[in-house]
Amino acid sequence: MGCDNLASMTKVGSNIGGCMSFCNSTGKDNSCFGVNCCQTNIPPSLWFFSTSLKSINRIHDQDMCKYAFIADQDWFLSLADIYSVQTMEQVPAVLDWKPTVSCYSFGPTNVSRNSSLCGINTLYINECAPGNNHECQQICINTPGSYYCSCNHGYVAIGNHNCTETANVKKTPIVLAIATCGGLGVLLVLAITWWLCKVMKRRNIRKLKEKNFERNGGLLLRQQVSSSEGNFDTTKLFTSKELEMATDNYNKDRILGQGGQGTVYKGMLTDGKIVAVKKSKVEHESKLENFINEVVILSQINHRNVVKLHGCCLETEVPLLVYEFIPNGTLFEYIHDHNEDFPLTWDIRVRVATEIAGALFYLHSAASIPIFHRDIESTNILLDEKYRAKMADFGTSKSIAIDQTHLTTRVQGLKPILAPSSREEARSLAAHFILTIEENRMLDIVDSRIATEVRREEITKFASIAYRCLNLNGRNRPTMKQVAVELENINMSHRLPTAEQLCQEVEYPVNGIWELASTSVCSSTNESLKVDIQEQPLIYQKIVF
């Protein structure tokens, strides 16, 4: 009672009923159908419910009191003035209820089965009435406090509630047996089919891996290894599944670098070791020789300044190599991009050059079979966690038999070109370096980041080594042993300078067509390195050894 009210009933947060009243100030009649009063029936079969009462119009929120109550419907409609309820303290109500189980289901064991545990009023409750949700399939027969099920003519009961035709009673066991056997047979066929599919899939995968192994040069690799004296026994053959797990299925976020010979991913093996996985780019089977060559070469090398090969995988569509992980990138990056955390000082440059020269000396002279890298460049020189140089990318390397005396002597390799200015034509870096020496402009090509931190005589020594290494006749170039020794001397003299080292006379030996005049490292800073060169055509290419 009241106007502009919304009364609602809820059960577990869901509305199950309610009503709404509107205001009429002209007067009140003795009805309760939505004007100044509203009513609704409580839904059946409720265990509990909640109620709420609120105003739908803030203007009339405080105009009159609001009343909500539960009452016997017949009693309420018989009132002469329904609004007299507002002065009553209580009203009559009726609870309509019924049992949810049989009245004979409970009680002590000595109670007779014919005794009902429910009150007398339950005798009049009809469990078979529509909407009472009995479980009988055909006929429901009500009993005091309970019910039982029966079947129509021609049917017999199955269990307590279901019925079946009389003619089907004898057929049922046979039908069930046939259905059971048929179901088991179908399951057996499905299981055998699934097993055969698994076997065929494993067989196909195995054949594909064998085919990839042969196509990726596995037989050639075995032949190379059998004829080599390296450490290939310590090089592991990884499975494709191992490397997929290590690289998170070759996730793009794991890419360390990409180049002409493939893509390198960062990975972690099951033992926690961090590795670099190189997925080779083999577009034609003829290029597999470079890949196999790299495996064979690296399996024979054990040097601290050469990237270690952990193993390879030939089961995949393209061959894979697994190296030790080198965390600090390539020398190329530090040369061309200034890094405040690790500036490329003169000390570091000399040390890196010394380490690479030492590694090349090892490959040329100390390895069981002489190995020539043939592609030395800053992108193939990596820096480890202590910024030590590590030589990588041996795809184009060659092993030379000890008794082989005929070697190529001409300059080989790619052509790094100096970007031309507006007045100059493009020329190779090697030719540009030679020209600056000829024109006594050596200091013009020194990196400005180190020009002020190093003595001129050290640059002169360093330049003389590079100058002699550019000899077109390979027989007249210094050996990598000589280069390594001279670089080590520069490295040591820079760390521990003495008066004698600062003022000693240096004689540069005559090597082939390059004839260097002697000069004093104590000469004035204006004196340049003097060179007397016989006329000889230059091949403008990058120098490799």
Protein backbone atom coordinates (compact mmCIF):
# COMPACT_ATOMS: atom_id res chain seq x y z
CA MET A 1 0.00 0.00 0.00
CA GLY A 2 1.15 3.51 -0.87
CA CYS A 3 1.79 5.16 -4.23
CA ASP A 4 4.74 5.23 -6.61
CA ASN A 5 6.06 2.10 -4.97
CA LEU A 6 7.93 -0.86 -6.44
CA ALA A 7 7.72 -4.07 -4.43
CA SER A 8 9.81 -7.00 -5.64
CA MET A 9 10.59 -10.58 -4.62
CA THR A 10 13.96 -12.10 -5.40
CA LYS A 11 15.53 -15.54 -5.11
CA VAL A 12 19.35 -15.87 -5.24
CA GLY A 13 19.64 -12.43 -6.85
CA SER A 14 16.96 -13.07 -9.56
CA ASN A 15 13.51 -11.42 -9.64
CA ILE A 16 10.66 -13.93 -9.22
CA GLY A 17 7.72 -11.57 -8.77
CA GLY A 18 6.48 -8.17 -7.68
CA CYS A 19 4.09 -5.29 -8.36
CA MET A 20 4.08 -1.50 -8.77
CA SER A 21 1.54 1.14 -7.59
CA PHE A 22 0.78 4.59 -9.00
CA CYS A 23 -0.57 7.68 -7.21
CA ASN A 24 -4.13 8.98 -7.50
CA SER A 25 -4.89 11.91 -5.19
CA THR A 26 -8.58 12.14 -6.14
CA GLY A 27 -9.57 9.32 -3.84
CA LYS A 28 -9.27 5.67 -2.92
CA ASP A 29 -11.55 2.78 -3.81
CA ASN A 30 -11.64 -0.68 -2.28
CA SER A 31 -9.52 -2.31 -5.00
CA CYS A 32 -5.85 -3.09 -5.06
CA PHE A 33 -4.89 -3.34 -8.72
CA GLY A 34 -2.11 -0.77 -9.13
CA VAL A 35 -3.53 2.62 -7.98
CA ASN A 36 -2.39 3.48 -4.44
CA CYS A 37 -2.19 -0.27 -3.86
CA CYS A 38 -0.96 -3.36 -5.72
CA GLN A 39 -0.79 -7.09 -5.08
CA THR A 40 0.74 -10.25 -6.50
CA ASN A 41 0.72 -13.98 -5.74
CA ILE A 42 3.78 -15.64 -4.26
CA PRO A 43 5.14 -18.19 -6.77
CA PRO A 44 4.78 -21.86 -5.75
CA SER A 45 7.53 -24.29 -4.74
CA LEU A 46 9.72 -21.74 -2.98
CA TRP A 47 12.06 -22.69 -0.17
CA PHE A 48 12.85 -19.04 0.56
CA PHE A 49 12.72 -15.57 -0.99
CA SER A 50 13.71 -11.98 -0.23
CA THR A 51 11.66 -8.80 -0.57
CA SER A 52 12.40 -5.12 -1.19
CA LEU A 53 10.28 -1.96 -1.28
CA LYS A 54 11.35 1.30 -2.89
CA SER A 55 9.88 4.45 -4.42
CA ILE A 56 9.81 5.03 -8.18
CA ASN A 57 9.23 8.79 -7.82
CA ARG A 58 11.41 10.92 -5.58
CA ILE A 59 8.68 13.62 -5.39
CA HIS A 60 6.29 11.33 -3.50
CA ASP A 61 8.97 9.48 -1.63
CA GLN A 62 8.04 10.99 1.75
CA ASP A 63 4.34 11.84 1.14
CA MET A 64 2.88 8.77 2.84
CA CYS A 65 3.92 5.63 4.60
CA LYS A 66 4.52 2.48 2.63
CA TYR A 67 3.20 -0.90 3.75
CA ALA A 68 3.99 -4.41 2.57
CA PHE A 69 2.56 -7.59 4.06
CA ILE A 70 1.65 -11.24 3.38
CA ALA A 71 -2.01 -12.03 3.86
CA ASP A 72 -4.66 -14.66 3.08
CA GLN A 73 -6.04 -13.52 -0.29
CA ASP A 74 -9.65 -14.47 0.46
CA TRP A 75 -9.56 -12.64 3.79
CA PHE A 76 -8.02 -9.52 2.24
CA LEU A 77 -10.62 -9.26 -0.53
CA SER A 78 -13.45 -9.64 1.98
CA LEU A 79 -12.47 -6.48 3.90
CA ALA A 80 -14.94 -3.58 3.72
CA ASP A 81 -12.01 -1.16 3.67
CA ILE A 82 -8.74 -2.67 2.58
CA TYR A 83 -6.84 0.39 3.89
CA SER A 84 -7.87 -0.55 7.42
CA VAL A 85 -4.91 -2.95 7.27
CA GLN A 86 -2.66 0.06 7.90
CA THR A 87 -3.88 0.20 11.52
CA MET A 88 -3.62 -3.56 12.20
CA GLU A 89 -0.71 -5.14 14.04
CA GLN A 90 -1.15 -8.54 12.32
CA VAL A 91 -3.12 -10.20 9.53
CA PRO A 92 -3.99 -13.85 8.84
CA ALA A 93 -1.90 -15.81 6.32
CA VAL A 94 -1.96 -19.36 4.91
CA LEU A 95 1.10 -21.49 4.12
CA ASP A 96 0.49 -23.77 1.13
CA TRP A 97 2.98 -26.66 1.34
CA LYS A 98 3.60 -30.26 0.28
CA PRO A 99 6.29 -32.91 0.97
CA THR A 100 9.03 -33.44 -1.55
CA VAL A 101 9.46 -37.12 -0.62
CA SER A 102 7.23 -40.00 0.26
CA CYS A 103 5.61 -39.82 3.63
CA TYR A 104 6.78 -43.40 4.17
CA SER A 105 10.43 -42.72 3.52
CA PHE A 106 11.48 -41.74 7.02
CA GLY A 107 11.08 -42.81 10.58
CA PRO A 108 12.34 -45.53 12.89
CA THR A 109 12.60 -49.10 11.63
CA ASN A 110 9.80 -50.30 13.94
CA VAL A 111 7.23 -48.03 12.27
CA SER A 112 4.77 -49.93 10.13
CA ARG A 113 5.01 -49.40 6.36
CA ASN A 114 1.30 -48.58 6.32
CA SER A 115 1.75 -45.72 8.79
CA SER A 116 2.14 -42.24 7.27
CA LEU A 117 4.72 -39.95 8.81
CA CYS A 118 2.91 -36.88 7.41
CA GLY A 119 -0.01 -35.05 8.94
CA ILE A 120 -3.61 -35.64 7.93
CA ASN A 121 -3.66 -32.67 5.59
CA THR A 122 -1.16 -34.41 3.31
CA LEU A 123 -3.79 -37.01 2.44
CA TYR A 124 -5.40 -34.46 0.21
CA ILE A 125 -2.25 -33.56 -1.70
CA ASN A 126 -2.30 -35.14 -5.17
CA GLU A 127 1.28 -35.84 -6.32
CA CYS A 128 -0.10 -37.00 -9.67
CA ALA A 129 -1.76 -33.67 -10.43
CA PRO A 130 -0.40 -31.77 -13.47
CA GLY A 131 2.59 -29.66 -12.60
CA ASN A 132 3.65 -31.79 -9.62
CA ASN A 133 6.52 -33.34 -11.59
CA HIS A 134 5.95 -37.00 -10.89
CA GLU A 135 8.29 -39.46 -12.63
CA CYS A 136 5.77 -41.93 -14.08
CA GLN A 137 6.17 -42.61 -17.80
CA GLN A 138 2.52 -43.60 -18.37
CA ILE A 139 0.09 -43.81 -15.44
CA CYS A 140 0.48 -42.08 -12.05
CA ILE A 141 -1.69 -43.35 -9.15
CA ASN A 142 -1.95 -41.10 -6.11
CA THR A 143 -1.78 -42.56 -2.59
CA PRO A 144 -2.01 -40.88 0.83
CA GLY A 145 1.27 -39.07 1.12
CA SER A 146 2.80 -40.67 -1.99
CA TYR A 147 2.12 -42.20 -5.45
CA TYR A 148 3.09 -45.14 -7.62
CA CYS A 149 3.41 -45.75 -11.35
CA SER A 150 1.53 -48.18 -13.60
CA CYS A 151 1.58 -49.05 -17.31
CA ASN A 152 -1.09 -49.13 -20.00
CA HIS A 153 -2.47 -52.36 -21.43
CA GLY A 154 0.12 -54.22 -23.49
CA TYR A 155 3.01 -52.74 -21.54
CA VAL A 156 4.99 -53.98 -18.57
CA ALA A 157 6.91 -51.99 -16.01
CA ILE A 158 10.69 -51.62 -16.20
CA GLY A 159 11.94 -50.40 -12.89
CA ASN A 160 9.73 -48.10 -10.81
CA HIS A 161 8.71 -45.56 -13.46
CA ASN A 162 9.24 -46.75 -17.06
CA CYS A 163 7.24 -49.09 -19.31
CA THR A 164 7.92 -51.22 -22.39
CA GLU A 165 5.77 -53.23 -24.80
CA THR A 166 5.12 -56.83 -23.76
CA ALA A 167 6.35 -58.15 -27.13
CA ASN A 168 9.69 -56.48 -26.62
CA VAL A 169 10.35 -58.04 -23.23
CA LYS A 170 11.81 -61.26 -24.64
CA LYS A 171 13.69 -59.42 -27.39
CA THR A 172 15.33 -56.99 -25.01
CA PRO A 173 18.30 -59.18 -23.87
CA ILE A 174 19.08 -60.14 -27.49
CA VAL A 175 18.82 -56.55 -28.67
CA LEU A 176 20.97 -55.37 -25.80
CA ALA A 177 23.57 -58.04 -26.54
CA ILE A 178 23.67 -57.14 -30.24
CA ALA A 179 23.86 -53.44 -29.46
CA THR A 180 26.62 -54.02 -26.94
CA CYS A 181 28.69 -56.16 -29.29
CA GLY A 182 28.14 -53.71 -32.14
CA GLY A 183 29.24 -50.80 -29.97
CA LEU A 184 32.34 -52.66 -28.84
CA GLY A 185 33.15 -53.55 -32.45
CA VAL A 186 32.88 -49.91 -33.54
CA LEU A 187 35.11 -48.84 -30.66
CA LEU A 188 37.65 -51.53 -31.59
CA VAL A 189 37.70 -50.41 -35.24
CA LEU A 190 38.13 -46.77 -34.19
CA ALA A 191 40.95 -47.69 -31.82
CA ILE A 192 42.77 -49.71 -34.51
CA THR A 193 42.29 -46.90 -37.04
CA TRP A 194 43.67 -44.33 -34.60
CA TRP A 195 46.67 -46.54 -33.82
CA LEU A 196 47.39 -47.10 -37.52
CA CYS A 197 47.18 -43.35 -38.18
CA LYS A 198 49.68 -42.73 -35.38
CA VAL A 199 52.03 -45.40 -36.74
CA MET A 200 51.79 -44.04 -40.30
CA LYS A 201 52.33 -40.47 -39.10
CA ARG A 202 55.44 -41.48 -37.13
CA ARG A 203 56.66 -43.46 -40.15
CA ASN A 204 56.13 -40.51 -42.49
CA ILE A 205 57.90 -38.14 -40.09
CA ARG A 206 60.81 -40.57 -39.81
CA LYS A 207 61.05 -40.88 -43.59
CA LEU A 208 60.89 -37.09 -43.99
CA LYS A 209 63.70 -36.66 -41.47
CA GLU A 210 65.79 -39.28 -43.29
CA LYS A 211 65.10 -37.53 -46.60
CA ASN A 212 66.03 -34.14 -45.10
CA PHE A 213 69.20 -35.67 -43.63
CA GLU A 214 70.32 -36.87 -47.04
CA ARG A 215 69.20 -33.69 -48.83
CA ASN A 216 70.96 -31.49 -46.27
CA GLY A 217 74.24 -33.25 -46.92
CA GLY A 218 74.25 -35.83 -44.17
CA LEU A 219 76.02 -38.39 -46.35
CA LEU A 220 78.53 -35.76 -47.49
CA LEU A 221 79.09 -34.78 -43.88
CA ARG A 222 79.79 -38.38 -42.90
CA GLN A 223 82.22 -38.69 -45.77
CA GLN A 224 84.00 -35.45 -44.77
CA VAL A 225 84.15 -36.48 -41.12
CA SER A 226 85.46 -39.96 -41.87
CA SER A 227 88.33 -38.43 -43.83
CA SER A 228 89.10 -35.69 -41.25
CA GLU A 229 91.08 -35.81 -38.05
CA GLY A 230 88.95 -33.38 -36.13
CA ASN A 231 86.85 -33.55 -32.98
CA PHE A 232 83.56 -34.36 -34.67
CA ASP A 233 82.82 -37.05 -32.10
CA THR A 234 82.25 -34.25 -29.57
CA THR A 235 79.86 -32.42 -31.92
CA LYS A 236 76.25 -33.34 -31.16
CA LEU A 237 73.55 -34.14 -33.67
CA PHE A 238 70.47 -32.36 -32.31
CA THR A 239 66.91 -33.43 -33.08
CA SER A 240 64.46 -31.02 -34.67
CA LYS A 241 62.23 -31.22 -31.58
CA GLU A 242 65.09 -30.17 -29.28
CA LEU A 243 65.78 -27.03 -31.31
CA GLU A 244 62.08 -26.17 -31.69
CA MET A 245 61.77 -26.19 -27.90
CA ALA A 246 65.02 -24.25 -27.49
CA THR A 247 63.90 -21.41 -29.81
CA ASP A 248 60.19 -21.38 -28.88
CA ASN A 249 59.35 -22.66 -32.37
CA TYR A 250 61.71 -20.10 -33.92
CA ASN A 251 59.92 -17.14 -32.41
CA LYS A 252 60.64 -13.85 -34.19
CA ASP A 253 61.48 -12.29 -30.82
CA ARG A 254 64.42 -14.73 -30.55
CA ILE A 255 66.14 -13.51 -33.75
CA LEU A 256 69.72 -12.32 -33.09
CA GLY A 257 70.61 -11.47 -36.67
CA GLN A 258 69.94 -12.18 -40.32
CA GLY A 259 72.31 -12.39 -43.25
CA GLY A 260 72.91 -13.85 -46.66
CA GLN A 261 73.63 -17.31 -45.27
CA GLY A 262 70.68 -17.55 -42.86
CA THR A 263 68.98 -16.40 -39.65
CA VAL A 264 70.41 -16.79 -36.14
CA TYR A 265 68.08 -17.38 -33.15
CA LYS A 266 68.79 -17.26 -29.44
CA GLY A 267 67.85 -20.48 -27.71
CA MET A 268 68.08 -22.35 -24.42
CA LEU A 269 68.70 -26.10 -24.27
CA THR A 270 67.08 -28.40 -21.73
CA ASP A 271 70.22 -28.26 -19.55
CA GLY A 272 69.91 -24.45 -19.34
CA LYS A 273 72.77 -23.68 -21.73
CA ILE A 274 72.21 -20.57 -23.87
CA VAL A 275 73.05 -21.15 -27.54
CA ALA A 276 72.77 -19.49 -30.94
CA VAL A 277 70.86 -21.55 -33.53
CA LYS A 278 71.68 -20.71 -37.15
CA LYS A 279 68.99 -21.67 -39.65
CA SER A 280 70.91 -21.80 -42.89
CA LYS A 281 69.45 -20.30 -46.04
CA VAL A 282 69.99 -23.04 -48.61
CA GLU A 283 68.12 -22.23 -51.80
CA HIS A 284 69.86 -24.88 -53.90
CA GLU A 285 71.53 -28.18 -53.08
CA SER A 286 74.76 -26.92 -54.63
CA LYS A 287 75.07 -24.45 -51.74
CA LEU A 288 74.98 -27.23 -49.16
CA GLU A 289 78.74 -27.54 -49.56
CA ASN A 290 79.20 -24.28 -47.61
CA PHE A 291 77.07 -25.60 -44.75
CA ILE A 292 78.84 -28.97 -44.57
CA ASN A 293 82.16 -27.18 -44.89
CA GLU A 294 81.35 -25.02 -41.87
CA VAL A 295 80.45 -28.06 -39.75
CA VAL A 296 83.63 -29.93 -40.70
CA ILE A 297 85.86 -26.87 -40.24
CA LEU A 298 84.45 -25.90 -36.84
CA SER A 299 84.55 -29.50 -35.59
CA GLN A 300 88.34 -29.37 -35.97
CA ILE A 301 88.82 -26.05 -34.17
CA ASN A 302 89.35 -25.55 -30.45
CA HIS A 303 90.46 -21.97 -29.85
CA ARG A 304 89.26 -19.35 -27.37
CA ASN A 305 88.90 -16.72 -30.12
CA VAL A 306 86.84 -18.93 -32.44
CA VAL A 307 83.14 -19.50 -31.91
CA LYS A 308 82.57 -23.04 -30.61
CA LEU A 309 80.25 -25.34 -32.51
CA HIS A 310 78.02 -27.41 -30.19
CA GLY A 311 76.37 -29.41 -32.94
CA CYS A 312 74.00 -29.42 -35.89
CA CYS A 313 70.61 -30.72 -37.02
CA LEU A 314 69.98 -32.17 -40.48
CA GLU A 315 66.43 -33.48 -39.92
CA THR A 316 64.71 -30.20 -40.79
CA GLU A 317 63.84 -28.66 -44.13
CA VAL A 318 66.89 -26.41 -43.89
CA PRO A 319 70.07 -27.40 -42.01
CA LEU A 320 70.72 -25.95 -38.55
CA LEU A 321 73.94 -25.17 -36.67
CA VAL A 322 74.14 -24.74 -32.89
CA TYR A 323 76.90 -22.43 -31.62
CA GLU A 324 77.89 -21.05 -28.26
CA PHE A 325 75.98 -17.83 -27.57
CA ILE A 326 78.07 -14.65 -27.91
CA PRO A 327 76.14 -11.87 -26.10
CA ASN A 328 77.72 -8.58 -27.15
CA GLY A 329 77.08 -8.44 -30.89
CA THR A 330 79.49 -7.85 -33.77
CA LEU A 331 82.55 -5.64 -34.08
CA PHE A 332 80.79 -3.90 -36.99
CA GLU A 333 78.19 -2.44 -34.60
CA TYR A 334 80.82 -0.91 -32.30
CA ILE A 335 82.81 0.53 -35.20
CA HIS A 336 79.86 2.25 -36.86
CA ASP A 337 77.57 3.00 -33.88
CA HIS A 338 79.00 4.81 -30.88
CA ASN A 339 78.33 2.90 -27.65
CA GLU A 340 78.77 4.89 -24.44
CA ASP A 341 78.78 1.73 -22.29
CA PHE A 342 81.65 0.26 -24.32
CA PRO A 343 83.60 2.89 -26.29
CA LEU A 344 85.91 1.37 -28.90
CA THR A 345 89.20 2.76 -27.57
CA TRP A 346 92.62 2.25 -29.16
CA ASP A 347 93.52 -0.35 -26.52
CA ILE A 348 90.43 -2.38 -27.38
CA ARG A 349 90.96 -2.10 -31.12
CA VAL A 350 94.56 -3.32 -30.85
CA ARG A 351 93.52 -6.13 -28.51
CA VAL A 352 90.71 -7.29 -30.84
CA ALA A 353 93.07 -7.18 -33.85
CA THR A 354 95.67 -9.14 -31.87
CA GLU A 355 93.13 -11.78 -30.85
CA ILE A 356 91.85 -12.25 -34.40
CA ALA A 357 95.41 -12.40 -35.76
CA GLY A 358 96.22 -15.03 -33.14
CA ALA A 359 93.15 -17.04 -34.14
CA LEU A 360 94.14 -16.86 -37.81
CA PHE A 361 97.69 -17.90 -36.94
CA TYR A 362 96.22 -20.92 -35.16
CA LEU A 363 94.06 -21.77 -38.17
CA HIS A 364 96.90 -21.35 -40.66
CA SER A 365 99.70 -23.01 -38.72
CA ALA A 366 98.66 -24.73 -35.50
CA ALA A 367 95.48 -26.61 -36.51
CA SER A 368 95.79 -30.26 -37.50
CA ILE A 369 94.94 -29.23 -41.07
CA PRO A 370 95.58 -25.62 -42.20
CA ILE A 371 92.30 -23.72 -42.49
CA PHE A 372 91.79 -20.50 -44.47
CA HIS A 373 88.72 -18.47 -43.47
CA ARG A 374 88.47 -16.36 -46.66
CA ASP A 375 85.78 -14.02 -45.30
CA ILE A 376 87.27 -11.97 -42.46
CA GLU A 377 85.19 -8.85 -41.87
CA SER A 378 83.83 -6.92 -38.88
CA THR A 379 80.38 -8.55 -39.15
CA ASN A 380 81.99 -11.97 -38.66
CA ILE A 381 83.85 -10.93 -35.51
CA LEU A 382 81.74 -11.26 -32.35
CA LEU A 383 82.41 -9.98 -28.81
CA ASP A 384 81.69 -12.20 -25.81
CA GLU A 385 80.64 -11.23 -22.29
CA LYS A 386 84.19 -9.98 -21.56
CA TYR A 387 84.39 -8.29 -24.98
CA ARG A 388 86.92 -10.82 -26.24
CA ALA A 389 86.93 -11.33 -30.00
CA LYS A 390 85.34 -14.48 -31.42
CA MET A 391 85.69 -15.39 -35.09
CA ALA A 392 82.53 -16.76 -36.75
CA ASP A 393 80.95 -17.71 -40.09
CA PHE A 394 83.21 -20.38 -41.61
CA GLY A 395 80.85 -21.18 -44.51
CA THR A 396 83.35 -20.18 -47.21
CA SER A 397 86.46 -21.51 -45.44
CA LYS A 398 88.76 -24.12 -46.91
CA SER A 399 91.01 -26.79 -45.47
CA ILE A 400 94.38 -27.15 -47.18
CA ALA A 401 96.33 -30.43 -47.09
CA ILE A 402 99.70 -30.14 -45.39
CA ASP A 403 101.55 -31.30 -48.52
CA GLN A 404 99.67 -28.89 -50.80
CA THR A 405 102.13 -26.27 -51.96
CA HIS A 406 100.16 -24.47 -54.64
CA LEU A 407 98.09 -21.70 -53.02
CA THR A 408 96.16 -18.85 -54.52
CA THR A 409 98.17 -15.67 -54.19
CA ARG A 410 95.87 -13.07 -55.63
CA VAL A 411 93.62 -10.92 -53.46
CA GLN A 412 90.18 -12.50 -52.95
CA GLY A 413 86.93 -11.66 -51.26
CA LEU A 414 84.14 -9.10 -51.48
CA LYS A 415 84.52 -5.37 -52.30
CA PRO A 416 83.85 -2.99 -49.36
CA ILE A 417 83.50 0.38 -51.06
CA LEU A 418 84.10 3.81 -49.58
CA ALA A 419 81.05 6.03 -50.12
CA PRO A 420 82.05 8.74 -52.66
CA SER A 421 81.84 12.42 -51.93
CA SER A 422 80.51 14.92 -54.47
CA ARG A 423 83.99 15.31 -56.03
CA GLU A 424 85.24 11.74 -55.79
CA GLU A 425 84.45 8.44 -57.39
CA ALA A 426 83.80 5.32 -55.34
CA ARG A 427 86.91 3.32 -54.48
CA SER A 428 87.62 0.32 -52.31
CA LEU A 429 88.75 0.87 -48.73
CA ALA A 430 92.01 -0.97 -49.43
CA ALA A 431 92.83 1.31 -52.35
CA HIS A 432 91.86 4.36 -50.32
CA PHE A 433 94.17 3.31 -47.50
CA ILE A 434 97.09 2.78 -49.91
CA LEU A 435 96.48 6.19 -51.48
CA THR A 436 96.59 8.00 -48.12
CA ILE A 437 99.92 6.31 -47.34
CA GLU A 438 101.33 7.35 -50.71
CA GLU A 439 100.21 10.94 -50.21
CA ASN A 440 101.53 11.12 -46.63
CA ARG A 441 97.99 11.60 -45.27
CA MET A 442 97.87 8.61 -42.95
CA LEU A 443 96.38 10.55 -40.02
CA ASP A 444 93.51 11.72 -42.20
CA ILE A 445 91.91 8.27 -42.11
CA VAL A 446 92.35 7.66 -38.38
CA ASP A 447 89.04 7.52 -36.45
CA SER A 448 88.55 10.86 -34.71
CA ARG A 449 87.49 9.02 -31.55
CA ILE A 450 91.02 7.71 -31.02
CA ALA A 451 93.16 10.32 -32.80
CA THR A 452 93.77 12.22 -29.56
CA GLU A 453 94.35 9.28 -27.26
CA VAL A 454 97.11 7.38 -29.04
CA ARG A 455 100.71 8.18 -29.93
CA ARG A 456 101.50 8.66 -33.59
CA GLU A 457 104.23 6.05 -33.61
CA GLU A 458 101.75 3.33 -32.57
CA ILE A 459 99.47 4.25 -35.45
CA THR A 460 102.52 4.15 -37.74
CA LYS A 461 103.39 0.64 -36.59
CA PHE A 462 99.83 -0.51 -37.00
CA ALA A 463 99.55 1.04 -40.46
CA SER A 464 102.76 -0.60 -41.60
CA ILE A 465 101.39 -4.04 -40.75
CA ALA A 466 98.20 -3.39 -42.72
CA TYR A 467 100.25 -1.93 -45.55
CA ARG A 468 102.38 -5.03 -45.90
CA CYS A 469 99.33 -7.27 -45.71
CA LEU A 470 97.98 -5.57 -48.85
CA ASN A 471 100.73 -6.93 -51.03
CA LEU A 472 99.19 -8.31 -54.21
CA ASN A 473 101.55 -11.26 -54.14
CA GLY A 474 100.39 -13.57 -51.39
CA ARG A 475 103.85 -15.08 -50.96
CA ASN A 476 105.25 -11.69 -50.05
CA ARG A 477 102.71 -10.86 -47.38
CA PRO A 478 103.70 -11.42 -43.74
CA THR A 479 102.45 -14.64 -42.19
CA MET A 480 99.72 -14.44 -39.60
CA LYS A 481 102.30 -15.50 -37.02
CA GLN A 482 104.35 -12.41 -37.84
CA VAL A 483 101.24 -10.23 -37.79
CA ALA A 484 100.16 -11.63 -34.42
CA VAL A 485 103.60 -11.11 -32.88
CA GLU A 486 103.88 -7.52 -34.11
CA LEU A 487 100.35 -6.66 -32.94
CA GLU A 488 101.09 -8.19 -29.54
CA ASN A 489 104.19 -6.00 -29.29
CA ILE A 490 102.07 -2.92 -30.04
CA ASN A 491 99.54 -4.08 -27.49
CA MET A 492 102.21 -4.56 -24.80
CA SER A 493 104.09 -1.34 -25.61
CA HIS A 494 100.91 0.66 -25.21
CA ARG A 495 100.25 -0.83 -21.81
CA LEU A 496 103.85 -0.62 -20.50
CA PRO A 497 105.65 2.19 -22.40
CA THR A 498 109.35 2.74 -21.75
CA ALA A 499 111.80 5.41 -22.79
CA GLU A 500 113.53 3.01 -25.17
CA GLN A 501 110.20 2.01 -26.72
CA LEU A 502 109.27 5.63 -27.21
CA CYS A 503 112.54 6.54 -29.00
CA GLN A 504 113.66 3.41 -30.81
CA GLU A 505 114.53 3.29 -34.50
CA VAL A 506 112.21 1.05 -36.48
CA GLU A 507 113.36 -0.60 -39.71
CA TYR A 508 110.54 -1.83 -41.90
CA PRO A 509 111.67 -4.81 -43.94
CA VAL A 510 111.39 -4.96 -47.68
CA ASN A 511 108.52 -7.25 -48.70
CA GLY A 512 107.87 -7.79 -52.37
CA ILE A 513 106.76 -4.67 -54.20
CA TRP A 514 106.23 -2.66 -51.01
CA GLU A 515 109.50 -1.02 -49.90
CA LEU A 516 109.22 1.08 -46.74
CA ALA A 517 111.87 3.55 -45.72
CA SER A 518 113.13 3.46 -42.15
CA THR A 519 111.69 6.08 -39.82
CA SER A 520 112.03 7.04 -36.21
CA VAL A 521 109.00 6.76 -33.97
CA CYS A 522 110.41 9.79 -32.08
CA SER A 523 110.18 12.00 -35.16
CA SER A 524 108.05 15.10 -35.13
CA THR A 525 104.32 14.77 -35.50
CA ASN A 526 104.47 16.43 -38.91
CA GLU A 527 106.66 13.68 -40.37
CA SER A 528 104.65 11.09 -42.24
CA LEU A 529 105.27 7.51 -43.19
CA LYS A 530 107.33 7.51 -46.39
CA VAL A 531 106.64 4.88 -49.02
CA ASP A 532 108.38 4.05 -52.29
CA ILE A 533 106.12 1.95 -54.47
CA GLN A 534 106.85 0.36 -57.80
CA GLU A 535 104.15 0.83 -60.36
CA GLN A 536 101.79 -2.09 -60.09
CA PRO A 537 98.06 -2.33 -60.82
CA LEU A 538 95.80 -2.58 -57.75
CA ILE A 539 92.92 -4.96 -57.37
CA TYR A 540 90.27 -3.03 -55.45
CA GLN A 541 88.93 -5.81 -53.29
CA LYS A 542 88.71 -6.65 -49.63
CA ILE A 543 91.77 -8.46 -48.36
CA VAL A 544 91.33 -11.94 -46.85
CA PHE A 545 93.95 -14.49 -46.02
